Amino acid sequence: MRTETIKLLVADDHTLFRQGIIKLLEEHKEYEVIAEAENGKDLMEKYFKYCPDIILTDIAMPELTGIQAVEEILKRDRNAKALFLSMYDTEEYVYHVLKSGGMGLVNKNILDEELVYAISKVSNGEKYFGKNWNDASLSLLFQNFEKKFNEEAKHLIDLNFREEQILQMIIEGNTSKEMADKMLLSKKTIDYYRSNLLRKFDIKTQIELIKYGILYFSKRNSEKTI
């Protein structure tokens, strides 16, 4: 039985949510939050500075998404363990977490007890994606989505620098106004780019745009490493 304290790094760009998670974990003596981060780049820096046992991170964050940050961390430390938190826990998100090397995904609306249980599973080197998932079903899902997304990736269009920049910010959860303020552009210009991205990908909804955005950057990053 494990008796030593499990050291955690908590990353989320929403301060109140991050502090709520930290407060929850402080109620359990077996956990110690040794650092916190508010964006993907901060997460990477804090990980290598403090060397936590487990990363507890949101998926959508500024600078780098949680998925992108974990992928980069795992390139340098193959033993890193990451448990993701998200408002979305559909099969596609499960696939992208598995693809990144993450060991688990829990919905932000879950009960406190389940989060603690998920952390304990990951700390023991086990995956946790909810009670409806086991190793066999996760393996099957990964195989099915890997085939599906590899086929879709063949048909992804190319984007220019500005379109990539805006798509990245959409994945991170920025609104059109927030993007306009950060990029010193008008909201009308941002909305034009957003509409153009929907047209280029031949999709209609924000959730689809995020999905194809994650796929787009995953494909681009894999091509860079070849």
C-alpha atoms as a PDB file:
ATOM      1  CA  MET A   1       0.000   0.000   0.000  1.00  0.00           C
ATOM      2  CA  ARG A   2       1.311   3.463  -0.935  1.00  0.00           C
ATOM      3  CA  THR A   3       1.929   5.662   2.117  1.00  0.00           C
ATOM      4  CA  GLU A   4       4.001   8.580   0.795  1.00  0.00           C
ATOM      5  CA  THR A   5       2.338  11.836  -0.235  1.00  0.00           C
ATOM      6  CA  ILE A   6       1.288  12.156  -3.884  1.00  0.00           C
ATOM      7  CA  LYS A   7       2.539  15.469  -5.256  1.00  0.00           C
ATOM      8  CA  LEU A   8       0.263  17.254  -7.730  1.00  0.00           C
ATOM      9  CA  LEU A   9       0.528  20.077 -10.242  1.00  0.00           C
ATOM     10  CA  VAL A  10      -2.893  21.645 -10.946  1.00  0.00           C
ATOM     11  CA  ALA A  11      -3.354  23.558 -14.213  1.00  0.00           C
ATOM     12  CA  ASP A  12      -6.448  25.522 -15.234  1.00  0.00           C
ATOM     13  CA  ASP A  13      -6.852  29.018 -16.643  1.00  0.00           C
ATOM     14  CA  HIS A  14      -9.941  29.691 -14.508  1.00  0.00           C
ATOM     15  CA  THR A  15      -8.586  30.820 -11.144  1.00  0.00           C
ATOM     16  CA  LEU A  16     -11.721  30.073  -9.112  1.00  0.00           C
ATOM     17  CA  PHE A  17     -12.008  26.537 -10.469  1.00  0.00           C
ATOM     18  CA  ARG A  18      -8.290  25.893  -9.962  1.00  0.00           C
ATOM     19  CA  GLN A  19      -8.446  27.138  -6.382  1.00  0.00           C
ATOM     20  CA  GLY A  20     -11.542  25.020  -5.761  1.00  0.00           C
ATOM     21  CA  ILE A  21      -9.720  21.888  -6.897  1.00  0.00           C
ATOM     22  CA  ILE A  22      -6.724  22.760  -4.737  1.00  0.00           C
ATOM     23  CA  LYS A  23      -8.948  23.330  -1.706  1.00  0.00           C
ATOM     24  CA  LEU A  24     -10.613  19.974  -2.300  1.00  0.00           C
ATOM     25  CA  LEU A  25      -7.293  18.167  -2.540  1.00  0.00           C
ATOM     26  CA  GLU A  26      -6.004  19.850   0.617  1.00  0.00           C
ATOM     27  CA  GLU A  27      -8.717  17.982   2.541  1.00  0.00           C
ATOM     28  CA  HIS A  28      -6.940  14.721   1.725  1.00  0.00           C
ATOM     29  CA  LYS A  29      -3.674  14.199   3.605  1.00  0.00           C
ATOM     30  CA  GLU A  30      -2.337  11.787   0.975  1.00  0.00           C
ATOM     31  CA  TYR A  31      -2.219  14.599  -1.630  1.00  0.00           C
ATOM     32  CA  GLU A  32      -0.006  17.666  -1.746  1.00  0.00           C
ATOM     33  CA  VAL A  33      -0.425  20.384  -4.378  1.00  0.00           C
ATOM     34  CA  ILE A  34       3.122  21.607  -4.943  1.00  0.00           C
ATOM     35  CA  ALA A  35       2.434  23.966  -7.864  1.00  0.00           C
ATOM     36  CA  GLU A  36      -0.300  25.460 -10.022  1.00  0.00           C
ATOM     37  CA  ALA A  37      -0.368  26.779 -13.585  1.00  0.00           C
ATOM     38  CA  GLU A  38      -2.746  28.982 -15.559  1.00  0.00           C
ATOM     39  CA  ASN A  39      -1.768  28.071 -19.138  1.00  0.00           C
ATOM     40  CA  GLY A  40      -0.026  25.362 -21.136  1.00  0.00           C
ATOM     41  CA  LYS A  41       3.413  26.975 -21.234  1.00  0.00           C
ATOM     42  CA  ASP A  42       3.251  27.654 -17.507  1.00  0.00           C
ATOM     43  CA  LEU A  43       2.303  24.008 -16.993  1.00  0.00           C
ATOM     44  CA  MET A  44       5.413  22.820 -18.853  1.00  0.00           C
ATOM     45  CA  GLU A  45       7.718  25.137 -16.923  1.00  0.00           C
ATOM     46  CA  LYS A  46       6.220  24.212 -13.550  1.00  0.00           C
ATOM     47  CA  TYR A  47       6.364  20.493 -14.330  1.00  0.00           C
ATOM     48  CA  PHE A  48      10.098  20.456 -14.935  1.00  0.00           C
ATOM     49  CA  LYS A  49      10.738  22.830 -12.036  1.00  0.00           C
ATOM     50  CA  TYR A  50       8.752  20.955  -9.381  1.00  0.00           C
ATOM     51  CA  CYS A  51       8.606  17.371 -10.789  1.00  0.00           C
ATOM     52  CA  PRO A  52       5.125  16.393  -9.531  1.00  0.00           C
ATOM     53  CA  ASP A  53       3.886  12.806  -9.407  1.00  0.00           C
ATOM     54  CA  ILE A  54       0.718  13.706 -11.314  1.00  0.00           C
ATOM     55  CA  ILE A  55      -0.422  16.540 -13.558  1.00  0.00           C
ATOM     56  CA  LEU A  56      -4.080  17.497 -13.116  1.00  0.00           C
ATOM     57  CA  THR A  57      -4.940  19.721 -16.071  1.00  0.00           C
ATOM     58  CA  ASP A  58      -7.729  21.281 -18.071  1.00  0.00           C
ATOM     59  CA  ILE A  59      -7.784  20.564 -21.810  1.00  0.00           C
ATOM     60  CA  ALA A  60      -8.587  24.065 -23.114  1.00  0.00           C
ATOM     61  CA  MET A  61      -6.033  26.627 -21.900  1.00  0.00           C
ATOM     62  CA  PRO A  62      -4.193  29.653 -23.358  1.00  0.00           C
ATOM     63  CA  GLU A  63      -0.676  29.529 -24.870  1.00  0.00           C
ATOM     64  CA  LEU A  64      -0.778  25.742 -25.247  1.00  0.00           C
ATOM     65  CA  THR A  65      -3.731  23.450 -24.623  1.00  0.00           C
ATOM     66  CA  GLY A  66      -3.400  20.892 -21.867  1.00  0.00           C
ATOM     67  CA  ILE A  67      -3.095  18.181 -24.506  1.00  0.00           C
ATOM     68  CA  GLN A  68      -0.304  19.998 -26.345  1.00  0.00           C
ATOM     69  CA  ALA A  69       1.564  20.679 -23.094  1.00  0.00           C
ATOM     70  CA  VAL A  70       1.343  17.045 -21.972  1.00  0.00           C
ATOM     71  CA  GLU A  71       2.541  15.832 -25.373  1.00  0.00           C
ATOM     72  CA  GLU A  72       5.600  18.072 -25.079  1.00  0.00           C
ATOM     73  CA  ILE A  73       6.265  17.003 -21.485  1.00  0.00           C
ATOM     74  CA  LEU A  74       6.110  13.321 -22.445  1.00  0.00           C
ATOM     75  CA  LYS A  75       8.707  13.871 -25.154  1.00  0.00           C
ATOM     76  CA  ARG A  76      11.159  14.807 -22.387  1.00  0.00           C
ATOM     77  CA  ASP A  77       9.812  12.637 -19.565  1.00  0.00           C
ATOM     78  CA  ARG A  78       8.186   9.386 -20.649  1.00  0.00           C
ATOM     79  CA  ASN A  79       7.142   8.664 -17.052  1.00  0.00           C
ATOM     80  CA  ALA A  80       4.941  11.759 -16.671  1.00  0.00           C
ATOM     81  CA  LYS A  81       1.380  11.013 -15.549  1.00  0.00           C
ATOM     82  CA  ALA A  82      -1.466  13.317 -16.572  1.00  0.00           C
ATOM     83  CA  LEU A  83      -5.128  13.303 -15.597  1.00  0.00           C
ATOM     84  CA  PHE A  84      -7.304  15.665 -17.630  1.00  0.00           C
ATOM     85  CA  LEU A  85     -10.329  17.671 -16.491  1.00  0.00           C
ATOM     86  CA  SER A  86     -12.858  18.926 -19.017  1.00  0.00           C
ATOM     87  CA  MET A  87     -16.476  19.929 -19.465  1.00  0.00           C
ATOM     88  CA  TYR A  88     -16.474  17.436 -22.346  1.00  0.00           C
ATOM     89  CA  ASP A  89     -15.867  13.716 -21.917  1.00  0.00           C
ATOM     90  CA  THR A  90     -17.255  12.342 -25.172  1.00  0.00           C
ATOM     91  CA  GLU A  91     -15.528   9.529 -27.066  1.00  0.00           C
ATOM     92  CA  GLU A  92     -13.587  11.989 -29.235  1.00  0.00           C
ATOM     93  CA  TYR A  93     -12.115  13.688 -26.170  1.00  0.00           C
ATOM     94  CA  VAL A  94     -11.262  10.305 -24.661  1.00  0.00           C
ATOM     95  CA  TYR A  95      -9.427   9.457 -27.882  1.00  0.00           C
ATOM     96  CA  HIS A  96      -7.450  12.722 -27.949  1.00  0.00           C
ATOM     97  CA  VAL A  97      -6.416  12.300 -24.314  1.00  0.00           C
ATOM     98  CA  LEU A  98      -5.249   8.743 -25.025  1.00  0.00           C
ATOM     99  CA  LYS A  99      -3.453   9.955 -28.151  1.00  0.00           C
ATOM    100  CA  SER A 100      -1.594  12.586 -26.121  1.00  0.00           C
ATOM    101  CA  GLY A 101      -0.389   9.990 -23.626  1.00  0.00           C
ATOM    102  CA  GLY A 102      -2.767  11.110 -20.888  1.00  0.00           C
ATOM    103  CA  MET A 103      -3.873   8.480 -18.384  1.00  0.00           C
ATOM    104  CA  GLY A 104      -7.343   9.706 -17.612  1.00  0.00           C
ATOM    105  CA  LEU A 105     -10.196  12.119 -18.249  1.00  0.00           C
ATOM    106  CA  VAL A 106     -12.858  13.184 -15.784  1.00  0.00           C
ATOM    107  CA  ASN A 107     -15.733  15.584 -16.226  1.00  0.00           C
ATOM    108  CA  LYS A 108     -15.517  18.824 -14.248  1.00  0.00           C
ATOM    109  CA  ASN A 109     -18.997  18.154 -12.925  1.00  0.00           C
ATOM    110  CA  ILE A 110     -18.091  14.840 -11.286  1.00  0.00           C
ATOM    111  CA  LEU A 111     -18.457  14.143  -7.599  1.00  0.00           C
ATOM    112  CA  ASP A 112     -15.474  14.936  -5.400  1.00  0.00           C
ATOM    113  CA  GLU A 113     -15.066  11.278  -4.466  1.00  0.00           C
ATOM    114  CA  GLU A 114     -14.652  10.239  -8.097  1.00  0.00           C
ATOM    115  CA  LEU A 115     -11.895  12.782  -8.698  1.00  0.00           C
ATOM    116  CA  VAL A 116     -10.002  11.468  -5.686  1.00  0.00           C
ATOM    117  CA  TYR A 117     -10.547   7.910  -6.939  1.00  0.00           C
ATOM    118  CA  ALA A 118      -9.291   8.864 -10.428  1.00  0.00           C
ATOM    119  CA  ILE A 119      -6.122  10.396  -8.975  1.00  0.00           C
ATOM    120  CA  SER A 120      -5.443   7.264  -6.926  1.00  0.00           C
ATOM    121  CA  LYS A 121      -5.843   5.068 -10.033  1.00  0.00           C
ATOM    122  CA  VAL A 122      -3.483   7.209 -12.104  1.00  0.00           C
ATOM    123  CA  SER A 123      -0.929   7.357  -9.280  1.00  0.00           C
ATOM    124  CA  ASN A 124      -0.844   3.542  -9.411  1.00  0.00           C
ATOM    125  CA  GLY A 125      -0.157   3.599 -13.137  1.00  0.00           C
ATOM    126  CA  GLU A 126      -3.721   2.747 -14.173  1.00  0.00           C
ATOM    127  CA  LYS A 127      -5.954   4.562 -16.655  1.00  0.00           C
ATOM    128  CA  TYR A 128      -9.232   6.118 -15.535  1.00  0.00           C
ATOM    129  CA  PHE A 129     -11.869   7.506 -17.897  1.00  0.00           C
ATOM    130  CA  GLY A 130     -14.948   6.807 -15.814  1.00  0.00           C
ATOM    131  CA  LYS A 131     -16.709   3.680 -14.633  1.00  0.00           C
ATOM    132  CA  ASN A 132     -17.967   2.863 -18.137  1.00  0.00           C
ATOM    133  CA  TRP A 133     -14.456   2.405 -19.531  1.00  0.00           C
ATOM    134  CA  ASN A 134     -11.979  -0.442 -19.080  1.00  0.00           C
ATOM    135  CA  ASP A 135      -8.716  -1.309 -20.855  1.00  0.00           C
ATOM    136  CA  ALA A 136     -10.459  -3.378 -23.520  1.00  0.00           C
ATOM    137  CA  SER A 137     -13.070  -0.748 -24.405  1.00  0.00           C
ATOM    138  CA  LEU A 138     -10.450   2.032 -24.386  1.00  0.00           C
ATOM    139  CA  SER A 139      -8.233   0.004 -26.730  1.00  0.00           C
ATOM    140  CA  LEU A 140     -11.134  -0.610 -29.101  1.00  0.00           C
ATOM    141  CA  LEU A 141     -12.155   3.063 -29.063  1.00  0.00           C
ATOM    142  CA  PHE A 142      -8.584   4.133 -29.791  1.00  0.00           C
ATOM    143  CA  GLN A 143      -8.277   1.763 -32.734  1.00  0.00           C
ATOM    144  CA  ASN A 144     -11.597   2.907 -34.213  1.00  0.00           C
ATOM    145  CA  PHE A 145     -10.872   6.615 -33.844  1.00  0.00           C
ATOM    146  CA  GLU A 146      -7.279   6.243 -35.004  1.00  0.00           C
ATOM    147  CA  LYS A 147      -8.540   4.757 -38.260  1.00  0.00           C
ATOM    148  CA  LYS A 148     -11.275   7.380 -38.563  1.00  0.00           C
ATOM    149  CA  PHE A 149      -9.046  10.390 -37.884  1.00  0.00           C
ATOM    150  CA  ASN A 150      -6.187   9.109 -40.031  1.00  0.00           C
ATOM    151  CA  GLU A 151      -8.625   8.959 -42.910  1.00  0.00           C
ATOM    152  CA  GLU A 152     -10.023  12.422 -42.160  1.00  0.00           C
ATOM    153  CA  ALA A 153      -6.515  13.848 -41.771  1.00  0.00           C
ATOM    154  CA  LYS A 154      -5.740  12.979 -45.379  1.00  0.00           C
ATOM    155  CA  HIS A 155      -8.363  15.488 -46.449  1.00  0.00           C
ATOM    156  CA  LEU A 156      -7.563  18.348 -44.080  1.00  0.00           C
ATOM    157  CA  ILE A 157      -7.012  21.650 -45.824  1.00  0.00           C
ATOM    158  CA  ASP A 158      -4.036  23.952 -45.285  1.00  0.00           C
ATOM    159  CA  LEU A 159      -4.407  27.130 -43.234  1.00  0.00           C
ATOM    160  CA  ASN A 160      -2.384  30.315 -43.305  1.00  0.00           C
ATOM    161  CA  PHE A 161      -0.601  31.717 -40.241  1.00  0.00           C
ATOM    162  CA  ARG A 162      -3.472  33.976 -39.149  1.00  0.00           C
ATOM    163  CA  GLU A 163      -6.042  31.197 -39.527  1.00  0.00           C
ATOM    164  CA  GLU A 164      -3.867  28.848 -37.475  1.00  0.00           C
ATOM    165  CA  GLN A 165      -3.454  31.531 -34.828  1.00  0.00           C
ATOM    166  CA  ILE A 166      -7.199  32.087 -34.527  1.00  0.00           C
ATOM    167  CA  LEU A 167      -7.981  28.364 -34.625  1.00  0.00           C
ATOM    168  CA  GLN A 168      -5.532  27.786 -31.765  1.00  0.00           C
ATOM    169  CA  MET A 169      -7.232  30.503 -29.712  1.00  0.00           C
ATOM    170  CA  ILE A 170     -10.661  28.994 -30.414  1.00  0.00           C
ATOM    171  CA  ILE A 171      -9.443  25.622 -29.126  1.00  0.00           C
ATOM    172  CA  GLU A 172      -8.186  27.405 -26.006  1.00  0.00           C
ATOM    173  CA  GLY A 173     -11.708  28.710 -25.379  1.00  0.00           C
ATOM    174  CA  ASN A 174     -11.313  32.381 -26.310  1.00  0.00           C
ATOM    175  CA  THR A 175     -14.369  34.348 -27.401  1.00  0.00           C
ATOM    176  CA  SER A 176     -14.302  36.535 -30.508  1.00  0.00           C
ATOM    177  CA  LYS A 177     -14.040  39.652 -28.323  1.00  0.00           C
ATOM    178  CA  GLU A 178     -11.147  38.203 -26.323  1.00  0.00           C
ATOM    179  CA  MET A 179      -9.329  37.304 -29.529  1.00  0.00           C
ATOM    180  CA  ALA A 180      -9.960  40.750 -30.975  1.00  0.00           C
ATOM    181  CA  ASP A 181      -8.521  42.422 -27.877  1.00  0.00           C
ATOM    182  CA  LYS A 182      -5.437  40.184 -27.806  1.00  0.00           C
ATOM    183  CA  MET A 183      -4.719  40.479 -31.531  1.00  0.00           C
ATOM    184  CA  LEU A 184      -5.624  44.172 -31.834  1.00  0.00           C
ATOM    185  CA  LEU A 185      -8.246  43.392 -34.466  1.00  0.00           C
ATOM    186  CA  SER A 186     -11.936  44.169 -34.648  1.00  0.00           C
ATOM    187  CA  LYS A 187     -14.476  41.602 -33.473  1.00  0.00           C
ATOM    188  CA  LYS A 188     -15.951  41.744 -36.989  1.00  0.00           C
ATOM    189  CA  THR A 189     -12.609  40.622 -38.432  1.00  0.00           C
ATOM    190  CA  ILE A 190     -12.369  37.736 -35.945  1.00  0.00           C
ATOM    191  CA  ASP A 191     -15.918  36.650 -36.763  1.00  0.00           C
ATOM    192  CA  TYR A 192     -15.005  36.686 -40.448  1.00  0.00           C
ATOM    193  CA  TYR A 193     -12.055  34.366 -39.819  1.00  0.00           C
ATOM    194  CA  ARG A 194     -14.209  32.122 -37.634  1.00  0.00           C
ATOM    195  CA  SER A 195     -16.863  31.834 -40.348  1.00  0.00           C
ATOM    196  CA  ASN A 196     -14.185  31.181 -42.949  1.00  0.00           C
ATOM    197  CA  LEU A 197     -12.739  28.356 -40.850  1.00  0.00           C
ATOM    198  CA  LEU A 198     -16.174  26.748 -40.582  1.00  0.00           C
ATOM    199  CA  ARG A 199     -16.512  27.027 -44.351  1.00  0.00           C
ATOM    200  CA  LYS A 200     -13.043  25.618 -45.055  1.00  0.00           C
ATOM    201  CA  PHE A 201     -13.616  22.609 -42.813  1.00  0.00           C
ATOM    202  CA  ASP A 202     -17.176  22.285 -44.173  1.00  0.00           C
ATOM    203  CA  ILE A 203     -18.691  22.183 -40.684  1.00  0.00           C
ATOM    204  CA  LYS A 204     -21.325  24.181 -38.808  1.00  0.00           C
ATOM    205  CA  THR A 205     -20.723  24.174 -35.058  1.00  0.00           C
ATOM    206  CA  GLN A 206     -18.143  25.393 -32.539  1.00  0.00           C
ATOM    207  CA  ILE A 207     -17.666  21.886 -31.103  1.00  0.00           C
ATOM    208  CA  GLU A 208     -16.903  20.504 -34.579  1.00  0.00           C
ATOM    209  CA  LEU A 209     -14.429  23.337 -35.138  1.00  0.00           C
ATOM    210  CA  ILE A 210     -12.603  22.477 -31.916  1.00  0.00           C
ATOM    211  CA  LYS A 211     -12.530  18.801 -32.901  1.00  0.00           C
ATOM    212  CA  TYR A 212     -11.104  19.499 -36.349  1.00  0.00           C
ATOM    213  CA  GLY A 213      -8.740  22.056 -34.864  1.00  0.00           C
ATOM    214  CA  ILE A 214      -7.235  19.473 -32.503  1.00  0.00           C
ATOM    215  CA  LEU A 215      -6.977  17.062 -35.432  1.00  0.00           C
ATOM    216  CA  TYR A 216      -5.366  19.723 -37.630  1.00  0.00           C
ATOM    217  CA  PHE A 217      -2.628  20.561 -35.123  1.00  0.00           C
ATOM    218  CA  SER A 218      -2.090  16.894 -34.265  1.00  0.00           C
ATOM    219  CA  LYS A 219      -1.496  16.122 -37.951  1.00  0.00           C
ATOM    220  CA  ARG A 220       0.758  19.146 -38.406  1.00  0.00           C
ATOM    221  CA  ASN A 221       2.849  18.293 -35.350  1.00  0.00           C
ATOM    222  CA  SER A 222       3.232  14.675 -36.437  1.00  0.00           C
ATOM    223  CA  GLU A 223       4.471  15.809 -39.838  1.00  0.00           C
ATOM    224  CA  LYS A 224       7.115  17.988 -38.141  1.00  0.00           C
ATOM    225  CA  THR A 225       8.535  15.014 -36.268  1.00  0.00           C
ATOM    226  CA  ILE A 226       8.870  12.797 -39.340  1.00  0.00           C
END
